[in-house]
């Protein structure tokens, strides 16, 4: 394989990678805009109520013996 062919392949890969990066950034920006539009349409009291309810449910689930044991086991296994 000649050096010119190798350089052309490297340049083509660089070009393809840059194109993928730009496309990914465009998709991320598009998703951020959609999320912002969606969140701005939800009233703040509703969001606060949902956050409170989620916290309450999480606390109740955490107090169950099996749930806390499973979470503790997962956390201890994660260290390995």
C-alpha atoms as a PDB file:
ATOM      1  CA  UNK A   1       0.000   0.000   0.000  1.00  0.00           C
ATOM      2  CA  UNK A   2       1.448   3.319  -0.998  1.00  0.00           C
ATOM      3  CA  UNK A   3       1.723   6.314   1.255  1.00  0.00           C
ATOM      4  CA  UNK A   4      -0.623   8.345  -0.935  1.00  0.00           C
ATOM      5  CA  UNK A   5      -3.347   5.728  -0.715  1.00  0.00           C
ATOM      6  CA  UNK A   6      -2.927   5.529   3.028  1.00  0.00           C
ATOM      7  CA  UNK A   7      -3.086   9.331   3.331  1.00  0.00           C
ATOM      8  CA  UNK A   8      -6.269   9.396   1.224  1.00  0.00           C
ATOM      9  CA  UNK A   9      -7.867   6.774   3.455  1.00  0.00           C
ATOM     10  CA  UNK A  10      -6.859   8.679   6.576  1.00  0.00           C
ATOM     11  CA  UNK A  11      -8.263  11.893   5.135  1.00  0.00           C
ATOM     12  CA  UNK A  12     -11.512  10.144   4.188  1.00  0.00           C
ATOM     13  CA  UNK A  13     -11.830   8.692   7.716  1.00  0.00           C
ATOM     14  CA  UNK A  14     -11.179  12.135   9.211  1.00  0.00           C
ATOM     15  CA  UNK A  15     -13.831  13.643   6.964  1.00  0.00           C
ATOM     16  CA  UNK A  16     -16.352  10.908   7.878  1.00  0.00           C
ATOM     17  CA  UNK A  17     -15.625  11.325  11.584  1.00  0.00           C
ATOM     18  CA  UNK A  18     -16.093  15.075  11.381  1.00  0.00           C
ATOM     19  CA  UNK A  19     -19.384  14.594   9.541  1.00  0.00           C
ATOM     20  CA  UNK A  20     -20.596  12.169  12.240  1.00  0.00           C
ATOM     21  CA  UNK A  21     -19.533  14.586  14.976  1.00  0.00           C
ATOM     22  CA  UNK A  22     -21.453  17.454  13.373  1.00  0.00           C
ATOM     23  CA  UNK A  23     -24.528  15.266  12.933  1.00  0.00           C
ATOM     24  CA  UNK A  24     -24.372  14.135  16.562  1.00  0.00           C
ATOM     25  CA  UNK A  25     -24.050  17.731  17.770  1.00  0.00           C
ATOM     26  CA  UNK A  26     -26.999  18.731  15.607  1.00  0.00           C
ATOM     27  CA  UNK A  27     -29.125  15.914  17.077  1.00  0.00           C
ATOM     28  CA  UNK A  28     -28.123  16.824  20.633  1.00  0.00           C
ATOM     29  CA  UNK A  29     -29.005  20.468  20.053  1.00  0.00           C
ATOM     30  CA  UNK A  30     -32.322  19.466  18.512  1.00  0.00           C
ATOM     31  CA  UNK A  31     -33.156  17.231  21.485  1.00  0.00           C
ATOM     32  CA  UNK A  32     -32.210  19.986  23.937  1.00  0.00           C
ATOM     33  CA  UNK A  33     -34.513  22.413  22.166  1.00  0.00           C
ATOM     34  CA  UNK A  34     -37.372  19.905  22.205  1.00  0.00           C
ATOM     35  CA  UNK A  35     -36.834  19.165  25.902  1.00  0.00           C
ATOM     36  CA  UNK A  36     -36.735  22.878  26.700  1.00  0.00           C
ATOM     37  CA  UNK A  37     -39.979  23.470  24.810  1.00  0.00           C
ATOM     38  CA  UNK A  38     -41.622  20.543  26.557  1.00  0.00           C
ATOM     39  CA  UNK A  39     -40.453  21.590  30.008  1.00  0.00           C
ATOM     40  CA  UNK A  40     -41.436  25.201  29.502  1.00  0.00           C
ATOM     41  CA  UNK A  41     -45.009  24.106  28.799  1.00  0.00           C
ATOM     42  CA  UNK A  42     -45.300  22.327  32.195  1.00  0.00           C
ATOM     43  CA  UNK A  43     -46.323  24.648  35.048  1.00  0.00           C
ATOM     44  CA  UNK A  44     -43.876  24.925  37.962  1.00  0.00           C
ATOM     45  CA  UNK A  45     -46.377  23.792  40.635  1.00  0.00           C
ATOM     46  CA  UNK A  46     -47.016  20.597  38.662  1.00  0.00           C
ATOM     47  CA  UNK A  47     -43.276  19.903  38.401  1.00  0.00           C
ATOM     48  CA  UNK A  48     -42.821  20.514  42.115  1.00  0.00           C
ATOM     49  CA  UNK A  49     -45.753  18.229  42.914  1.00  0.00           C
ATOM     50  CA  UNK A  50     -44.344  15.460  40.740  1.00  0.00           C
ATOM     51  CA  UNK A  51     -40.911  15.831  42.327  1.00  0.00           C
ATOM     52  CA  UNK A  52     -42.472  15.664  45.797  1.00  0.00           C
ATOM     53  CA  UNK A  53     -44.521  12.586  44.879  1.00  0.00           C
ATOM     54  CA  UNK A  54     -41.478  10.861  43.373  1.00  0.00           C
ATOM     55  CA  UNK A  55     -39.451  11.574  46.500  1.00  0.00           C
ATOM     56  CA  UNK A  56     -42.240  10.309  48.733  1.00  0.00           C
ATOM     57  CA  UNK A  57     -42.605   7.076  46.737  1.00  0.00           C
ATOM     58  CA  UNK A  58     -38.837   6.560  46.672  1.00  0.00           C
ATOM     59  CA  UNK A  59     -38.648   7.011  50.433  1.00  0.00           C
ATOM     60  CA  UNK A  60     -41.475   4.502  50.982  1.00  0.00           C
ATOM     61  CA  UNK A  61     -39.824   1.969  48.669  1.00  0.00           C
ATOM     62  CA  UNK A  62     -36.473   2.475  50.358  1.00  0.00           C
ATOM     63  CA  UNK A  63     -37.956   1.656  53.755  1.00  0.00           C
ATOM     64  CA  UNK A  64     -39.108  -1.766  52.542  1.00  0.00           C
ATOM     65  CA  UNK A  65     -36.611  -4.373  53.779  1.00  0.00           C
ATOM     66  CA  UNK A  66     -36.164  -6.133  50.464  1.00  0.00           C
ATOM     67  CA  UNK A  67     -35.687  -2.975  48.437  1.00  0.00           C
ATOM     68  CA  UNK A  68     -32.975  -1.574  50.669  1.00  0.00           C
ATOM     69  CA  UNK A  69     -31.256  -4.967  50.814  1.00  0.00           C
ATOM     70  CA  UNK A  70     -31.258  -5.255  47.024  1.00  0.00           C
ATOM     71  CA  UNK A  71     -29.869  -1.741  46.611  1.00  0.00           C
ATOM     72  CA  UNK A  72     -27.189  -2.375  49.235  1.00  0.00           C
ATOM     73  CA  UNK A  73     -26.245  -5.630  47.492  1.00  0.00           C
ATOM     74  CA  UNK A  74     -26.023  -3.871  44.126  1.00  0.00           C
ATOM     75  CA  UNK A  75     -23.844  -1.142  45.598  1.00  0.00           C
ATOM     76  CA  UNK A  76     -21.533  -3.667  47.236  1.00  0.00           C
ATOM     77  CA  UNK A  77     -21.257  -5.725  44.032  1.00  0.00           C
ATOM     78  CA  UNK A  78     -20.507  -2.603  42.056  1.00  0.00           C
ATOM     79  CA  UNK A  79     -17.173  -2.209  43.864  1.00  0.00           C
ATOM     80  CA  UNK A  80     -15.893  -5.455  42.344  1.00  0.00           C
END
